[in-house]
Amino acid sequence: MKKTMKRVLALVMIMALIMGVVACGSKKEEAKNEDITLTFQQWFADECPEGLFQEICDGFTAETGIKIELYNAPNAETKTTLLSGAANGTIADIVGTDGKWVSDLVDGGALTPLDDLFKEGNVDTSVFSDMWKYNGSTYAMPMVTFSYPLAVNTDILAEVGIDPESIKTRSDFLAACKAVTDAGYLAYGWNATTSNPAGLDHIFLNSFWASGGKLRDDAGLFHIADNDDFKETAVYFKELVDNGYIAPGYMTAIEADITSKFGSGDLAFCNPSISMLSIWASDSPNLHFTVIPMPVKDGYTGTTYADYACWGVGISDHCEHKAEAMKFIEYMFSAEANAKLAQGKGCFPGSTVSDPDYSETSENFQKAFTIWKAATPRAEWNAAIEASALRTGVLENVLLFVNGEIDVDTMAANCQAVCDEVYN
């Protein structure tokens, strides 16, 4: 009996010792977290409603004890700031990035590969709506997205007797543009300036991707010279230009020029960022419009892909607390945090598990979200080498073709040469 009691007491003491060690470990871990401050270089906070982004970050601190210190700078300055910070060792721990910057930031030592961190932290990567890979490794993901549906002036379309919802194919769109121009209105706005080639992505390639077009193979290499989908899209845009369906001045127009024309009621169609939907609702009360998916090539029944811009996020190669930084990224892609950011900013979630409540937004915004959810994201310049130079070179050759200066095969071959020069 005494031996049994001694054994029981010994077991109790061992269990108490184990519980004490576990509790002590927890306290040490808690203290460790409370001592960690992660810095986050981005432009997001300044573009959100005041205090929103900090409030979301504070939610992570409340959960983990890890503090987030925001370094804010305009989008135009962020890339330069990150590269200079990587060069002199002062870069932030977590970095905001555009997908088109990824290769430059990796080569400049500003981003760390994330795949091992995914494995070590048992991260569910299915929550990421897209993952930007460079040389086979993942470096960043889009935290929230901004799509570019086709906006339609419903007053103009009503006057020419066309239901916007009937515009499904490129032939439908060409017929609508003809009716609009015959009635004396400007049809379609294209910001095709090469000084800022956004019009290549959000308009020309938006149409190309909508019909299943693909510029790059699984290895990331470009295939344009023999790309029939690309050539067909170029021929379609040449027809728009030749028939006068593109508003004059497109060669020098920037995105703000096009959205301004549409907002004043001068254009029947344009491709705006979804952020413009709320701006028009408040600033252009006499504008009546709707949004529809990009028309696809005739006979196409495959997957529809949608162009997007975004706020991306990655981890600096200089970060001393990469595991904790990954925890923060997981938090930002959680259903609640990601929905709060998307709702507050007026954009779409980058998390597949996020379900924002847009019931207080305009009917057009809700419709744009429905269109977005029905498509698959595709933006092939993300993580491309020297994306800016590639986009400019490709757009220059597309414009030479649509303006009748070269033939379609020469255009495609020239675009391929632009990409080969960079990738070789």
Foldseek 3Di string as FASTA:
>chain_A
DVVVVVVVVVVVVVVVVVVVVVVVVVVVQLVVQLPAEFEEEDAQQVLFPHPLVLVLQVVVCVVRNYHYHYDHDHPVCQLVVLLVCQVVVNHTFKYKDWLLCVQVCVVSQFWDFCPVLCVVLVNDVQQFLDFFDAQRTTTKGFFFWWFWFKKFQVVLCVVLPHDPVVQAALVSLVVSLVSSVVVPAAEEEAQLELVFRVSCQRPLVQQLQQLPHDQADPSLAGDQLPGVSSLVSLVSVLVCVVVNNYDPPNHHGDPVVRLVCVLVPRYGIYTDTQVVVQVSVPPRVPGDMAGDHRHHHPPRDDAGETEITGIMMGGGSSNPCVSVVVVSVSSSSDQVNQLSSCQRSVTGGSTPNHDHDCVVPDPRSVVVVVVNVSHRYDDSSRNQQPSSQLSSQLSVLSVCDSVPNDDSSVSSVSSSVSRVVRVD
